[in-house]
């Protein structure tokens, strides 16, 4: 349990921990109020059952005389009003603190999910090469909610119930120690026994729940992403069966956990009735008459009314915490442990220089770069060196796996070689210049990601709608040879929504929007990674003519597995087996 508290504390910020401490103080105050409201019942019951108690009890007699009461009924009526007022204040305070507790808990769902997404977005590109996006989405959207609803919320409920139960039991100990111990043992013993028997099983199915939830998310995400192929091949039922298997396991684990949490409640009803009978007999024996026993018995009945839900909430909360510990461990590893790891290279925390852009004015040099992908023993690149002069057009050619894309990812600053340097006009970009260098890059990947936004929103990707420069959008679209299509074929021109992943556009149209996106910010260096592979020959020629029209105005790097695509480049590097095997300059090509 201490490890759980430590991990929850590590997930919270200083401000959130301070708020939690204040909430705990408020919960303690609620416990004291509940105890006070229970204590106020005894004088009322004492006077109601035996009016002569006013004379025999020093406190009651002083109160009666100080406030000038003239009759027992008048005094009893006021005592009743006091009990009612205490009950109203106690319940109103409980409602207020419950609202504060719920607000605190669900705000943590917001802050932790935002914090985890922030952590993912600021991880190095290599982190995403070995992770499934469905798993990451599950952690942000489901795992955190499970920790919040299944661990933090019941944990705070346990804290509140423990405080209330301890204060009530402490009060009963003062009234009658033996009876208080017997009642606490009878009501709490069954919960403790069931928990000790089930805690191992709860931890086991909690771990299985996390794995089943991960499989469920992955199945749903993958089938929806590949819906075109699924429909074409008629494999709907196959993928449905995959999803159903993990989803069914998830439901079983949730049901079993809930059943364990509710089992003791039914036994407690029998125990409570037996405890009331036993307490009545005990008080008759010790107090002598029913009249003397009624005030204490009434207090214990009301105390039992408060203790029953407290013990039930403690047990159900503890079982929920135990069940969801695996989800907490997963979240802790993602958000805390990973951030504690030392950072190097692309994840470096070097201070960034203030310049918005690091312009390429002379040469871009990659020197002796060797790169291994995580978990591999063979280098994807081995001692690769190349030089790119400013405002020239360079081609990188090679088969799949030859190393050309890895080289470009290094040039883009997405990957950092284990050995070697990347220099822009003799400036080492790894020495705080990474962001400034990337601000001067335009990149067109082979597969264009389009959000479910307007055409203009996709070209000005990441720019708030109110800040989009429409002239820059149209200029970039014109260079990419898609402006006329947008103006004449789309119903709302640049305000037309393209659908998820650009489903309403053809592959060539999506690709040209990607090229326009790369040109929107007018970068000094333009990188095209198989950017025309999905275009027909005529469109490819027109787009490449437009790209080559920028030659000697921008530095252009073109990746292709076909040498014909880059035949007009000033220099071409040929890759094979992670190395440059040949370099051809324009003079030797003509």
Protein backbone atom coordinates (compact mmCIF):
# COMPACT_ATOMS: atom_id res chain seq x y z
CA UNK A 1 0.00 0.00 0.00
CA UNK A 2 2.89 2.36 0.71
CA UNK A 3 4.23 1.69 -2.78
CA UNK A 4 0.83 2.64 -4.24
CA UNK A 5 0.80 5.89 -2.25
CA UNK A 6 4.36 6.66 -3.39
CA UNK A 7 3.49 6.14 -7.05
CA UNK A 8 0.32 8.23 -6.85
CA UNK A 9 2.29 10.99 -5.16
CA UNK A 10 4.91 10.84 -7.92
CA UNK A 11 2.20 11.24 -10.57
CA UNK A 12 0.88 14.43 -8.95
CA UNK A 13 2.40 17.89 -9.15
CA UNK A 14 3.30 19.84 -6.00
CA UNK A 15 0.13 21.91 -6.35
CA UNK A 16 -2.00 18.77 -6.76
CA UNK A 17 -0.41 17.16 -3.70
CA UNK A 18 -1.10 20.32 -1.69
CA UNK A 19 -4.73 20.24 -2.82
CA UNK A 20 -4.91 16.58 -1.76
CA UNK A 21 -3.61 17.43 1.72
CA UNK A 22 -6.26 20.16 2.08
CA UNK A 23 -8.90 17.70 0.92
CA UNK A 24 -7.73 15.21 3.56
CA UNK A 25 -8.08 17.92 6.23
CA UNK A 26 -11.62 18.63 5.00
CA UNK A 27 -12.41 14.90 5.18
CA UNK A 28 -11.11 14.84 8.77
CA UNK A 29 -13.39 17.76 9.56
CA UNK A 30 -16.34 15.81 8.14
CA UNK A 31 -15.46 12.89 10.41
CA UNK A 32 -15.43 15.16 13.45
CA UNK A 33 -18.78 16.63 12.46
CA UNK A 34 -20.31 13.18 12.06
CA UNK A 35 -18.99 12.15 15.45
CA UNK A 36 -20.39 15.32 17.03
CA UNK A 37 -23.79 14.78 15.42
CA UNK A 38 -23.85 11.22 16.80
CA UNK A 39 -22.84 12.35 20.29
CA UNK A 40 -25.68 14.91 20.29
CA UNK A 41 -28.20 12.05 20.01
CA UNK A 42 -27.45 10.69 23.50
CA UNK A 43 -28.72 13.68 25.55
CA UNK A 44 -31.91 13.75 23.49
CA UNK A 45 -32.56 10.01 23.99
CA UNK A 46 -31.65 10.21 27.68
CA UNK A 47 -34.18 12.97 28.38
CA UNK A 48 -36.81 11.36 26.12
CA UNK A 49 -36.55 8.00 27.92
CA UNK A 50 -36.08 9.40 31.43
CA UNK A 51 -36.83 13.13 32.07
CA UNK A 52 -35.27 12.89 35.54
CA UNK A 53 -31.90 12.67 33.78
CA UNK A 54 -31.97 16.47 33.63
CA UNK A 55 -31.55 16.56 37.40
CA UNK A 56 -29.04 13.74 37.69
CA UNK A 57 -26.76 14.83 34.83
CA UNK A 58 -24.62 17.87 35.69
CA UNK A 59 -24.20 19.08 32.08
CA UNK A 60 -27.90 18.76 31.29
CA UNK A 61 -28.93 20.48 34.51
CA UNK A 62 -26.56 23.40 33.88
CA UNK A 63 -27.81 23.80 30.29
CA UNK A 64 -31.45 23.64 31.43
CA UNK A 65 -30.90 26.33 34.07
CA UNK A 66 -28.55 28.59 32.04
CA UNK A 67 -30.98 28.95 29.16
CA UNK A 68 -33.97 29.32 31.49
CA UNK A 69 -36.11 26.42 30.33
CA UNK A 70 -39.42 26.08 32.19
CA UNK A 71 -40.52 22.58 31.17
CA UNK A 72 -39.05 19.24 30.23
CA UNK A 73 -41.00 19.13 26.95
CA UNK A 74 -39.62 22.53 25.97
CA UNK A 75 -36.08 21.39 26.74
CA UNK A 76 -36.62 18.10 24.86
CA UNK A 77 -37.95 20.00 21.82
CA UNK A 78 -34.85 22.20 21.72
CA UNK A 79 -32.56 19.19 22.10
CA UNK A 80 -34.34 17.62 19.15
CA UNK A 81 -33.78 20.76 17.08
CA UNK A 82 -30.08 20.72 18.02
CA UNK A 83 -29.76 17.07 16.91
CA UNK A 84 -31.57 17.88 13.65
CA UNK A 85 -29.37 20.95 13.05
CA UNK A 86 -26.20 18.94 13.67
CA UNK A 87 -27.42 16.27 11.27
CA UNK A 88 -28.21 18.88 8.59
CA UNK A 89 -24.82 20.58 9.00
CA UNK A 90 -23.04 17.23 8.91
CA UNK A 91 -24.84 16.03 5.78
CA UNK A 92 -24.46 19.38 3.98
CA UNK A 93 -20.74 19.30 4.74
CA UNK A 94 -20.51 15.71 3.50
CA UNK A 95 -22.20 16.73 0.24
CA UNK A 96 -19.84 19.70 -0.19
CA UNK A 97 -16.69 17.69 0.48
CA UNK A 98 -17.96 14.88 -1.77
CA UNK A 99 -18.31 17.42 -4.60
CA UNK A 100 -14.80 18.73 -3.90
CA UNK A 101 -13.45 15.20 -3.86
CA UNK A 102 -15.11 14.27 -7.17
CA UNK A 103 -13.97 17.51 -8.80
CA UNK A 104 -10.41 16.92 -7.62
CA UNK A 105 -10.42 13.34 -8.91
CA UNK A 106 -11.80 14.08 -12.39
CA UNK A 107 -9.56 17.12 -12.83
CA UNK A 108 -6.67 14.72 -12.33
CA UNK A 109 -8.06 12.70 -15.24
CA UNK A 110 -7.62 15.85 -17.33
CA UNK A 111 -4.20 16.87 -16.01
CA UNK A 112 -2.66 13.38 -16.10
CA UNK A 113 -3.91 12.62 -19.62
CA UNK A 114 -2.61 15.99 -20.79
CA UNK A 115 0.70 15.36 -19.04
CA UNK A 116 1.04 11.90 -20.60
CA UNK A 117 0.25 13.19 -24.09
CA UNK A 118 2.79 16.00 -23.53
CA UNK A 119 5.34 13.37 -22.48
CA UNK A 120 4.69 11.28 -25.60
CA UNK A 121 4.80 14.26 -27.96
CA UNK A 122 8.19 15.32 -26.58
CA UNK A 123 9.75 11.85 -26.80
CA UNK A 124 12.32 11.32 -29.56
CA UNK A 125 11.13 10.01 -32.90
CA UNK A 126 12.90 6.69 -32.27
CA UNK A 127 10.52 6.08 -29.33
CA UNK A 128 7.57 5.77 -31.71
CA UNK A 129 9.36 3.30 -33.99
CA UNK A 130 8.96 0.58 -31.38
CA UNK A 131 5.53 1.46 -29.96
CA UNK A 132 2.01 0.72 -31.17
CA UNK A 133 -0.09 3.87 -31.55
CA UNK A 134 -3.17 2.00 -30.26
CA UNK A 135 -1.28 1.21 -27.05
CA UNK A 136 -0.31 4.85 -26.62
CA UNK A 137 -3.90 5.96 -27.26
CA UNK A 138 -5.14 3.40 -24.75
CA UNK A 139 -2.80 4.76 -22.09
CA UNK A 140 -4.02 8.33 -22.64
CA UNK A 141 -7.75 7.67 -23.05
CA UNK A 142 -8.40 4.51 -21.03
CA UNK A 143 -5.57 3.65 -18.66
CA UNK A 144 -5.60 7.04 -16.94
CA UNK A 145 -9.36 6.95 -16.55
CA UNK A 146 -9.07 3.48 -15.04
CA UNK A 147 -6.50 4.72 -12.53
CA UNK A 148 -8.66 7.73 -11.70
CA UNK A 149 -12.04 5.99 -11.46
CA UNK A 150 -10.75 2.66 -10.19
CA UNK A 151 -7.94 3.71 -7.86
CA UNK A 152 -7.72 7.40 -6.96
CA UNK A 153 -11.46 7.87 -6.45
CA UNK A 154 -11.97 4.74 -4.31
CA UNK A 155 -8.68 5.51 -2.56
CA UNK A 156 -9.99 8.88 -1.41
CA UNK A 157 -13.28 7.20 -0.46
CA UNK A 158 -11.31 4.72 1.63
CA UNK A 159 -9.50 7.62 3.32
CA UNK A 160 -12.79 9.34 4.12
CA UNK A 161 -14.42 6.14 5.38
CA UNK A 162 -11.41 5.14 7.48
CA UNK A 163 -11.37 8.56 9.17
CA UNK A 164 -15.12 8.40 9.86
CA UNK A 165 -14.95 4.80 11.10
CA UNK A 166 -11.98 5.47 13.41
CA UNK A 167 -13.60 8.54 14.95
CA UNK A 168 -16.94 6.75 15.49
CA UNK A 169 -15.23 3.69 16.98
CA UNK A 170 -13.12 5.97 19.20
CA UNK A 171 -16.30 7.64 20.45
CA UNK A 172 -17.94 4.26 21.12
CA UNK A 173 -14.82 3.13 22.99
CA UNK A 174 -15.28 6.06 25.37
CA UNK A 175 -18.95 5.12 25.94
CA UNK A 176 -18.48 1.35 26.31
CA UNK A 177 -15.09 -0.14 25.33
CA UNK A 178 -16.09 -3.81 25.33
CA UNK A 179 -19.21 -3.31 23.23
CA UNK A 180 -17.30 -1.06 20.78
CA UNK A 181 -14.59 -3.69 20.28
CA UNK A 182 -17.17 -6.44 19.72
CA UNK A 183 -19.12 -4.42 17.14
CA UNK A 184 -15.98 -3.27 15.30
CA UNK A 185 -14.62 -6.83 15.24
CA UNK A 186 -17.92 -8.28 14.00
CA UNK A 187 -18.41 -5.76 11.21
CA UNK A 188 -14.77 -5.33 10.20
CA UNK A 189 -13.68 -8.94 10.61
CA UNK A 190 -15.64 -10.34 7.69
CA UNK A 191 -14.32 -7.64 5.36
CA UNK A 192 -10.77 -8.30 6.45
CA UNK A 193 -11.14 -12.06 5.99
CA UNK A 194 -12.62 -11.76 2.48
CA UNK A 195 -9.94 -9.27 1.45
CA UNK A 196 -7.06 -11.43 2.70
CA UNK A 197 -8.46 -14.39 0.78
CA UNK A 198 -9.03 -12.45 -2.45
CA UNK A 199 -6.18 -9.92 -2.66
CA UNK A 200 -3.88 -12.23 -4.64
CA UNK A 201 -6.60 -13.03 -7.14
CA UNK A 202 -7.48 -9.33 -7.49
CA UNK A 203 -3.87 -8.44 -8.30
CA UNK A 204 -3.70 -11.29 -10.83
CA UNK A 205 -6.86 -10.36 -12.75
CA UNK A 206 -5.84 -6.68 -12.55
CA UNK A 207 -2.73 -7.47 -14.61
CA UNK A 208 -4.78 -9.54 -17.06
CA UNK A 209 -7.25 -6.65 -17.34
CA UNK A 210 -4.49 -4.29 -18.54
CA UNK A 211 -3.36 -6.79 -21.20
CA UNK A 212 -6.93 -7.47 -22.37
CA UNK A 213 -7.65 -3.74 -22.59
CA UNK A 214 -4.50 -3.23 -24.67
CA UNK A 215 -5.53 -6.03 -27.04
CA UNK A 216 -9.05 -4.60 -27.29
CA UNK A 217 -7.78 -1.14 -28.27
CA UNK A 218 -5.34 -2.58 -30.78
CA UNK A 219 -7.99 -4.75 -32.45
CA UNK A 220 -10.47 -1.89 -32.79
CA UNK A 221 -7.87 0.61 -34.03
CA UNK A 222 -6.31 -1.68 -36.61
CA UNK A 223 -9.58 -2.90 -38.15
CA UNK A 224 -10.93 0.64 -38.52
CA UNK A 225 -7.68 1.89 -40.04
CA UNK A 226 -7.71 -0.92 -42.58
CA UNK A 227 -11.44 -0.89 -43.23
CA UNK A 228 -10.99 -0.68 -47.01
CA UNK A 229 -8.97 -3.91 -47.17
CA UNK A 230 -11.20 -5.58 -44.57
CA UNK A 231 -14.32 -4.88 -46.63
CA UNK A 232 -12.65 -5.92 -49.87
CA UNK A 233 -11.47 -9.25 -48.46
CA UNK A 234 -14.69 -9.88 -46.54
CA UNK A 235 -12.80 -10.32 -43.25
CA UNK A 236 -15.26 -8.44 -41.02
CA UNK A 237 -16.08 -11.48 -38.87
CA UNK A 238 -12.41 -12.42 -38.42
CA UNK A 239 -11.53 -9.05 -36.94
CA UNK A 240 -14.79 -8.93 -34.98
CA UNK A 241 -13.84 -12.25 -33.38
CA UNK A 242 -10.40 -10.88 -32.45
CA UNK A 243 -11.98 -7.86 -30.77
CA UNK A 244 -14.68 -9.92 -29.06
CA UNK A 245 -12.17 -12.28 -27.42
CA UNK A 246 -10.27 -9.54 -25.58
CA UNK A 247 -13.41 -7.53 -24.87
CA UNK A 248 -15.10 -10.57 -23.30
CA UNK A 249 -12.09 -11.25 -21.06
CA UNK A 250 -12.20 -7.61 -19.98
CA UNK A 251 -15.87 -7.90 -19.01
CA UNK A 252 -15.24 -11.10 -17.00
CA UNK A 253 -12.39 -9.50 -15.02
CA UNK A 254 -14.53 -6.44 -14.25
CA UNK A 255 -17.46 -8.62 -13.15
CA UNK A 256 -15.29 -10.77 -10.89
CA UNK A 257 -13.77 -7.73 -9.24
CA UNK A 258 -17.20 -6.19 -8.65
CA UNK A 259 -18.58 -9.44 -7.23
CA UNK A 260 -15.76 -9.71 -4.69
CA UNK A 261 -16.38 -6.11 -3.61
CA UNK A 262 -20.09 -6.77 -2.96
CA UNK A 263 -20.01 -10.22 -1.34
CA UNK A 264 -19.43 -9.12 2.31
CA UNK A 265 -22.34 -6.66 2.21
CA UNK A 266 -24.91 -9.45 2.20
CA UNK A 267 -23.29 -11.27 5.11
CA UNK A 268 -23.02 -7.96 6.98
CA UNK A 269 -26.81 -7.53 7.02
CA UNK A 270 -27.14 -10.74 9.03
CA UNK A 271 -24.20 -9.82 11.27
CA UNK A 272 -25.62 -6.33 11.89
CA UNK A 273 -29.02 -7.69 12.97
CA UNK A 274 -27.35 -10.20 15.27
CA UNK A 275 -25.07 -7.47 16.65
CA UNK A 276 -28.06 -5.25 17.51
CA UNK A 277 -29.75 -8.12 19.37
CA UNK A 278 -26.52 -8.95 21.19
CA UNK A 279 -25.94 -5.29 22.08
CA UNK A 280 -29.48 -5.00 23.44
CA UNK A 281 -29.02 -8.02 25.68
CA UNK A 282 -25.58 -6.83 26.76
CA UNK A 283 -26.91 -3.38 27.70
CA UNK A 284 -29.89 -4.86 29.58
CA UNK A 285 -27.47 -6.97 31.61
CA UNK A 286 -24.97 -4.18 32.29
CA UNK A 287 -27.39 -1.25 32.65
CA UNK A 288 -30.13 -3.12 34.49
CA UNK A 289 -33.21 -1.63 32.80
CA UNK A 290 -34.27 -0.93 29.25
CA UNK A 291 -34.84 2.71 30.17
CA UNK A 292 -31.17 3.16 31.03
CA UNK A 293 -30.05 1.15 28.01
CA UNK A 294 -32.08 3.09 25.43
CA UNK A 295 -29.74 6.16 25.13
CA UNK A 296 -26.64 4.00 24.61
CA UNK A 297 -28.50 1.55 22.38
CA UNK A 298 -29.83 4.42 20.28
CA UNK A 299 -26.34 5.84 19.94
CA UNK A 300 -25.00 2.46 18.79
CA UNK A 301 -27.83 2.03 16.30
CA UNK A 302 -27.10 5.43 14.77
CA UNK A 303 -23.36 4.69 14.90
CA UNK A 304 -23.99 1.39 13.14
CA UNK A 305 -25.98 3.28 10.52
CA UNK A 306 -22.84 5.32 9.82
CA UNK A 307 -20.36 2.46 10.23
CA UNK A 308 -22.04 0.00 7.85
CA UNK A 309 -21.53 2.08 4.71
CA UNK A 310 -18.09 3.16 5.96
CA UNK A 311 -16.88 -0.44 6.29
CA UNK A 312 -18.51 -1.34 2.96
CA UNK A 313 -16.83 1.61 1.20
CA UNK A 314 -13.48 0.79 2.79
CA UNK A 315 -13.66 -2.79 1.52
CA UNK A 316 -14.93 -1.99 -1.97
CA UNK A 317 -12.35 0.81 -2.23
CA UNK A 318 -9.47 -1.42 -1.14
CA UNK A 319 -10.50 -4.17 -3.58
CA UNK A 320 -10.74 -1.60 -6.40
CA UNK A 321 -7.28 -0.26 -5.52
CA UNK A 322 -5.87 -3.77 -5.51
CA UNK A 323 -7.51 -4.61 -8.84
CA UNK A 324 -6.27 -1.44 -10.52
CA UNK A 325 -2.71 -1.48 -9.16
CA UNK A 326 -1.45 -2.94 -12.46
CA UNK A 327 -2.91 0.03 -14.35
CA UNK A 328 -1.19 2.39 -11.88
CA UNK A 329 2.13 0.61 -12.39
CA UNK A 330 1.74 0.93 -16.16
CA UNK A 331 0.94 4.65 -15.92
CA UNK A 332 3.82 5.20 -13.48
CA UNK A 333 6.25 3.50 -15.88
CA UNK A 334 4.99 5.61 -18.80
CA UNK A 335 4.87 8.97 -17.06
CA UNK A 336 7.45 8.88 -14.27
CA UNK A 337 10.05 6.15 -14.78
CA UNK A 338 10.55 6.93 -18.48
CA UNK A 339 11.04 10.62 -17.74
CA UNK A 340 13.62 9.79 -15.06
CA UNK A 341 15.81 7.99 -17.61
CA UNK A 342 18.88 9.88 -18.81
CA UNK A 343 18.40 11.64 -22.12
CA UNK A 344 20.88 11.80 -24.94
CA UNK A 345 21.06 12.83 -28.55
CA UNK A 346 17.65 13.56 -30.04
CA UNK A 347 16.08 13.71 -26.59
CA UNK A 348 18.69 16.12 -25.32
CA UNK A 349 17.70 18.96 -23.05
CA UNK A 350 20.43 21.31 -24.23
CA UNK A 351 19.38 24.93 -24.18
CA UNK A 352 17.94 25.96 -27.53
CA UNK A 353 19.30 29.01 -29.30
CA UNK A 354 16.95 31.93 -29.81
CA UNK A 355 17.12 32.14 -33.61
CA UNK A 356 13.83 31.14 -35.25
CA UNK A 357 15.62 29.50 -38.16
CA UNK A 358 19.06 28.13 -38.81
CA UNK A 359 19.52 29.04 -42.47
CA UNK A 360 21.64 26.95 -44.80
CA UNK A 361 23.92 29.40 -46.64
CA UNK A 362 26.93 27.27 -47.54
CA UNK A 363 27.01 23.52 -46.86
CA UNK A 364 25.11 20.78 -45.04
CA UNK A 365 27.52 18.05 -43.96
CA UNK A 366 26.84 14.60 -42.56
CA UNK A 367 30.14 13.15 -41.39
CA UNK A 368 30.89 9.49 -40.58
CA UNK A 369 27.31 8.73 -39.41
CA UNK A 370 26.54 5.26 -38.05
CA UNK A 371 23.06 4.42 -36.82
CA UNK A 372 21.50 1.34 -35.21
CA UNK A 373 17.74 1.05 -34.73
CA UNK A 374 16.74 -0.01 -31.19
CA UNK A 375 17.03 -3.75 -30.66
CA UNK A 376 19.11 -4.42 -33.79
CA UNK A 377 22.71 -5.56 -34.08
CA UNK A 378 23.25 -4.58 -37.72
CA UNK A 379 23.64 -0.88 -38.51
CA UNK A 380 21.07 0.75 -40.79
CA UNK A 381 23.82 3.23 -41.70
CA UNK A 382 27.57 2.65 -41.42
CA UNK A 383 30.08 5.51 -41.60
CA UNK A 384 28.05 7.53 -44.12
CA UNK A 385 29.35 10.94 -45.15
CA UNK A 386 27.85 13.36 -47.64
CA UNK A 387 28.00 17.06 -48.43
CA UNK A 388 25.11 19.15 -49.78
CA UNK A 389 25.78 22.64 -51.06
CA UNK A 390 23.17 25.32 -50.39
CA UNK A 391 20.57 25.88 -53.12
CA UNK A 392 21.38 22.68 -54.98
CA UNK A 393 19.10 19.74 -55.74
CA UNK A 394 20.29 16.38 -54.43
CA UNK A 395 18.95 12.90 -55.18
CA UNK A 396 19.24 9.88 -52.85
CA UNK A 397 18.60 6.61 -54.68
CA UNK A 398 18.47 3.04 -53.44
CA UNK A 399 16.32 0.00 -52.84
CA UNK A 400 14.12 -0.41 -49.76
CA UNK A 401 16.37 -0.87 -46.71
CA UNK A 402 19.41 0.61 -48.39
CA UNK A 403 19.69 3.41 -45.81
CA UNK A 404 18.48 6.43 -47.78
CA UNK A 405 15.39 7.09 -45.59
CA UNK A 406 17.43 6.67 -42.41
CA UNK A 407 19.89 9.22 -43.78
CA UNK A 408 17.09 11.69 -44.46
CA UNK A 409 15.64 11.15 -40.95
CA UNK A 410 19.07 12.09 -39.59
CA UNK A 411 19.23 15.16 -41.84
CA UNK A 412 15.75 16.12 -40.55
CA UNK A 413 16.91 15.80 -36.95
CA UNK A 414 14.39 13.01 -36.24
CA UNK A 415 17.12 10.44 -35.58
CA UNK A 416 20.52 10.99 -34.02
CA UNK A 417 23.37 8.70 -35.12
CA UNK A 418 25.28 6.79 -32.47
CA UNK A 419 28.45 8.17 -34.05
CA UNK A 420 28.98 11.06 -36.44
CA UNK A 421 28.02 14.72 -36.72
CA UNK A 422 25.57 16.88 -38.65
CA UNK A 423 26.84 20.36 -39.48
CA UNK A 424 24.98 23.30 -41.01
CA UNK A 425 27.54 25.86 -42.16
CA UNK A 426 29.97 24.25 -39.67
CA UNK A 427 27.41 24.60 -36.84
CA UNK A 428 26.71 21.38 -34.89
CA UNK A 429 22.90 21.19 -34.74
CA UNK A 430 23.08 18.88 -31.70
CA UNK A 431 24.50 21.75 -29.68
CA UNK A 432 21.16 23.49 -29.12
CA UNK A 433 20.34 24.24 -32.78
CA UNK A 434 17.93 21.36 -33.50
CA UNK A 435 14.67 23.34 -33.31
CA UNK A 436 16.09 26.25 -35.32
CA UNK A 437 17.28 23.82 -38.00
CA UNK A 438 13.94 22.02 -38.20
CA UNK A 439 12.13 25.36 -38.54
CA UNK A 440 13.89 25.77 -41.90
CA UNK A 441 12.80 22.38 -43.25
CA UNK A 442 9.88 21.35 -45.43
CA UNK A 443 9.18 17.61 -45.56
CA UNK A 444 6.95 15.51 -47.83
CA UNK A 445 6.69 11.85 -46.74
CA UNK A 446 5.63 8.96 -48.94
CA UNK A 447 2.38 8.53 -47.02
CA UNK A 448 0.67 11.83 -46.24
CA UNK A 449 -1.24 12.20 -42.98
CA UNK A 450 -4.36 14.32 -43.40
CA UNK A 451 -6.57 15.31 -40.47
CA UNK A 452 -10.35 15.59 -40.73
CA UNK A 453 -10.06 19.31 -41.44
CA UNK A 454 -10.39 21.69 -44.36
CA UNK A 455 -7.99 21.73 -47.27
CA UNK A 456 -6.57 25.02 -46.00
CA UNK A 457 -6.24 23.59 -42.49
CA UNK A 458 -4.31 20.62 -43.82
CA UNK A 459 -1.96 22.73 -45.92
CA UNK A 460 -1.31 25.06 -42.96
CA UNK A 461 -1.03 22.01 -40.68
CA UNK A 462 -0.68 22.90 -36.98
CA UNK A 463 -1.48 26.59 -37.51
CA UNK A 464 -4.53 27.85 -35.53
CA UNK A 465 -7.43 28.59 -37.88
CA UNK A 466 -7.43 32.30 -37.11
CA UNK A 467 -3.70 32.56 -37.95
CA UNK A 468 -3.74 30.81 -41.34
CA UNK A 469 -2.21 32.89 -44.14
CA UNK A 470 -4.56 32.22 -47.06
CA UNK A 471 -2.18 33.78 -49.58
CA UNK A 472 0.60 31.43 -48.45
CA UNK A 473 -1.86 28.50 -48.66
CA UNK A 474 -2.78 29.31 -52.27
CA UNK A 475 0.83 30.00 -53.26
CA UNK A 476 1.93 26.61 -51.91
CA UNK A 477 -1.04 24.87 -53.58
CA UNK A 478 -0.16 26.47 -56.92
CA UNK A 479 3.44 25.21 -56.76
CA UNK A 480 2.11 21.73 -55.90
CA UNK A 481 -0.22 21.87 -58.93
CA UNK A 482 -3.41 21.42 -56.90
CA UNK A 483 -4.77 24.98 -56.76
CA UNK A 484 -6.91 24.61 -59.90
CA UNK A 485 -8.39 21.32 -58.66
CA UNK A 486 -9.34 22.92 -55.33
CA UNK A 487 -10.93 25.94 -56.97
CA UNK A 488 -12.89 24.06 -59.63
CA UNK A 489 -13.62 20.58 -58.25
CA UNK A 490 -14.18 20.96 -54.52
CA UNK A 491 -17.60 22.27 -53.38
CA UNK A 492 -16.26 24.76 -50.83
CA UNK A 493 -12.82 25.26 -52.37
CA UNK A 494 -10.20 25.62 -49.63
CA UNK A 495 -12.88 25.32 -46.92
CA UNK A 496 -13.85 21.80 -48.03
CA UNK A 497 -13.37 19.10 -45.39
CA UNK A 498 -11.24 16.22 -46.66
CA UNK A 499 -12.53 13.52 -44.27
CA UNK A 500 -10.48 11.31 -41.95
CA UNK A 501 -7.09 10.56 -43.56
CA UNK A 502 -8.30 12.46 -46.66
CA UNK A 503 -10.73 9.66 -47.54
CA UNK A 504 -12.60 11.95 -49.96
CA UNK A 505 -9.49 12.59 -52.05
CA UNK A 506 -7.48 10.42 -54.41
CA UNK A 507 -3.94 9.33 -53.56
CA UNK A 508 -2.44 11.88 -55.93
CA UNK A 509 -4.55 14.68 -54.50
CA UNK A 510 -3.50 13.77 -50.97
CA UNK A 511 0.13 13.71 -52.04
CA UNK A 512 -0.05 17.14 -53.64
CA UNK A 513 -1.67 18.58 -50.50
CA UNK A 514 1.30 17.13 -48.62
CA UNK A 515 3.69 18.91 -50.97
CA UNK A 516 1.75 22.17 -50.52
CA UNK A 517 1.98 21.68 -46.74
CA UNK A 518 5.77 21.40 -46.95
CA UNK A 519 5.92 24.64 -48.96
CA UNK A 520 3.48 26.64 -46.79
CA UNK A 521 6.15 28.07 -44.46
CA UNK A 522 8.51 28.78 -47.38
CA UNK A 523 11.35 26.58 -46.04
CA UNK A 524 14.93 27.00 -47.15
CA UNK A 525 15.39 23.21 -47.40
CA UNK A 526 12.78 20.96 -49.02
CA UNK A 527 12.91 17.18 -48.51
CA UNK A 528 10.76 14.80 -50.58
CA UNK A 529 10.70 11.16 -49.43
CA UNK A 530 9.24 9.18 -52.36
CA UNK A 531 6.80 12.08 -52.52
CA UNK A 532 5.61 11.41 -56.07
CA UNK A 533 5.34 7.63 -55.82
CA UNK A 534 1.50 7.68 -55.77
CA UNK A 535 1.16 10.10 -58.69
CA UNK A 536 0.51 9.12 -62.27
CA UNK A 537 3.28 9.80 -64.76
CA UNK A 538 1.78 13.00 -66.12
CA UNK A 539 1.08 14.46 -62.67
CA UNK A 540 4.49 13.37 -61.43
CA UNK A 541 6.17 15.18 -64.32
CA UNK A 542 4.20 18.38 -63.70
CA UNK A 543 4.89 18.31 -59.96
CA UNK A 544 8.57 17.56 -60.46
CA UNK A 545 8.78 20.37 -63.00
CA UNK A 546 7.38 22.67 -60.34
CA UNK A 547 9.83 21.33 -57.77
CA UNK A 548 12.77 21.70 -60.14
CA UNK A 549 11.52 25.21 -60.81
CA UNK A 550 12.64 25.98 -57.28
CA UNK A 551 16.14 24.75 -58.01
CA UNK A 552 18.92 27.13 -56.98
CA UNK A 553 16.33 29.04 -54.90
CA UNK A 554 16.06 26.34 -52.23
CA UNK A 555 18.09 23.34 -51.18
CA UNK A 556 16.11 20.30 -52.36
CA UNK A 557 16.69 16.69 -51.28
CA UNK A 558 14.75 14.03 -53.20
CA UNK A 559 14.56 10.38 -52.17
CA UNK A 560 13.54 7.84 -54.79
CA UNK A 561 14.04 4.20 -55.65
CA UNK A 562 13.94 5.23 -59.33
CA UNK A 563 16.90 7.08 -60.83
CA UNK A 564 14.65 8.64 -63.51
CA UNK A 565 12.85 10.70 -60.85
CA UNK A 566 16.09 12.40 -59.80
CA UNK A 567 17.83 12.57 -63.15
CA UNK A 568 17.73 16.39 -63.18
CA UNK A 569 19.42 16.69 -59.75
CA UNK A 570 22.76 18.44 -59.38
CA UNK A 571 24.15 15.45 -57.50
CA UNK A 572 22.92 11.92 -56.85
CA UNK A 573 24.03 9.59 -54.05
CA UNK A 574 23.41 5.86 -54.54
CA UNK A 575 22.82 3.77 -51.38
CA UNK A 576 23.23 0.06 -50.80
CA UNK A 577 23.47 -1.92 -47.56
CA UNK A 578 23.54 1.19 -45.36
CA UNK A 579 26.40 2.83 -47.25
CA UNK A 580 26.92 5.25 -50.12
CA UNK A 581 28.31 3.18 -52.98
CA UNK A 582 28.38 5.83 -55.69
CA UNK A 583 28.15 9.60 -56.22
CA UNK A 584 27.31 11.22 -59.54
CA UNK A 585 27.51 14.94 -60.23
CA UNK A 586 25.52 16.72 -62.93
CA UNK A 587 28.60 17.02 -65.13
CA UNK A 588 28.92 13.25 -65.31
CA UNK A 589 25.19 12.83 -65.97
CA UNK A 590 25.07 15.02 -69.05
